[in-house]
Amino acid sequence: MRAYNMKIILFFVFAFFLVGVLTIPESSAQDAIPSWIKNNAGWWADDKISDSDFLSGIKFLVETKIVKISYLTIPVDI
């Protein structure tokens, strides 16, 4: 169950990553996003690399400010 939860969390991290990539103008996106992260995403989706390895790649992109993550406020109805 824990591995399943980790996959869900990583899926959302990857989704936010993709939103960030899609908001970069196309001409600079090709230069900004390293090609190895695309390979990592494919390998992760095929279970060829661990969640930890994939997350390390995403972490590198965020730490080096190649990808910037904006925090969104989501209203919660109570």
Protein backbone atom coordinates (compact mmCIF):
# COMPACT_ATOMS: atom_id res chain seq x y z
CA MET A 1 0.00 0.00 0.00
CA ARG A 2 2.86 2.39 0.78
CA ALA A 3 4.39 1.87 -2.66
CA TYR A 4 1.00 2.64 -4.21
CA ASN A 5 0.73 5.87 -2.20
CA MET A 6 4.25 6.85 -3.28
CA LYS A 7 3.28 6.30 -6.92
CA ILE A 8 0.24 8.57 -6.45
CA ILE A 9 2.37 11.29 -4.84
CA LEU A 10 5.01 11.05 -7.54
CA PHE A 11 2.32 11.15 -10.20
CA PHE A 12 1.12 14.50 -8.86
CA VAL A 13 4.67 15.81 -8.57
CA PHE A 14 5.25 14.81 -12.18
CA ALA A 15 1.93 16.40 -13.19
CA PHE A 16 2.99 19.70 -11.60
CA PHE A 17 6.34 19.32 -13.32
CA LEU A 18 4.63 18.93 -16.67
CA VAL A 19 2.47 21.99 -16.04
CA GLY A 20 5.67 23.92 -15.37
CA VAL A 21 7.24 22.60 -18.55
CA LEU A 22 4.17 23.42 -20.60
CA THR A 23 4.19 27.02 -19.41
CA ILE A 24 7.77 27.55 -20.66
CA PRO A 25 7.82 28.99 -24.20
CA GLU A 26 8.55 26.22 -26.68
CA SER A 27 11.78 27.74 -27.97
CA SER A 28 13.36 27.86 -24.51
CA ALA A 29 11.76 24.64 -23.23
CA GLN A 30 13.93 22.50 -25.49
CA ASP A 31 17.05 24.15 -24.11
CA ALA A 32 15.89 24.35 -20.49
CA ILE A 33 14.73 20.78 -19.84
CA PRO A 34 17.53 18.23 -20.01
CA SER A 35 16.82 15.29 -22.28
CA TRP A 36 17.74 12.81 -19.54
CA ILE A 37 14.65 13.75 -17.52
CA LYS A 38 12.46 12.61 -20.40
CA ASN A 39 14.27 9.26 -20.34
CA ASN A 40 13.86 9.07 -16.56
CA ALA A 41 10.12 9.69 -16.87
CA GLY A 42 9.76 6.90 -19.40
CA TRP A 43 11.86 4.49 -17.35
CA TRP A 44 9.92 5.37 -14.19
CA ALA A 45 6.60 4.79 -15.97
CA ASP A 46 7.90 1.38 -17.10
CA ASP A 47 9.16 0.57 -13.55
CA LYS A 48 12.75 0.40 -14.81
CA ILE A 49 13.96 2.91 -12.19
CA SER A 50 12.85 3.37 -8.61
CA ASP A 51 10.59 6.12 -7.33
CA SER A 52 13.57 7.47 -5.42
CA ASP A 53 15.72 7.71 -8.56
CA PHE A 54 12.96 9.49 -10.45
CA LEU A 55 12.34 11.87 -7.57
CA SER A 56 16.06 12.67 -7.44
CA GLY A 57 15.86 13.89 -11.03
CA ILE A 58 12.85 16.09 -10.29
CA LYS A 59 14.56 17.38 -7.14
CA PHE A 60 17.64 18.33 -9.19
CA LEU A 61 15.52 20.29 -11.66
CA VAL A 62 13.82 22.20 -8.85
CA GLU A 63 17.03 22.85 -6.88
CA THR A 64 18.84 24.18 -9.95
CA LYS A 65 15.78 26.30 -10.79
CA ILE A 66 15.34 24.70 -14.19
CA VAL A 67 11.75 24.06 -13.10
CA LYS A 68 9.95 26.41 -10.74
CA ILE A 69 6.99 25.12 -8.78
CA SER A 70 4.25 27.60 -7.96
CA TYR A 71 2.10 26.90 -4.97
CA LEU A 72 -1.61 27.05 -5.58
CA THR A 73 -4.23 27.74 -2.96
CA ILE A 74 -7.10 25.35 -3.34
CA PRO A 75 -10.27 26.28 -1.46
CA VAL A 76 -11.75 23.50 0.61
CA ASP A 77 -15.49 23.35 1.13
CA ILE A 78 -16.38 22.33 4.66
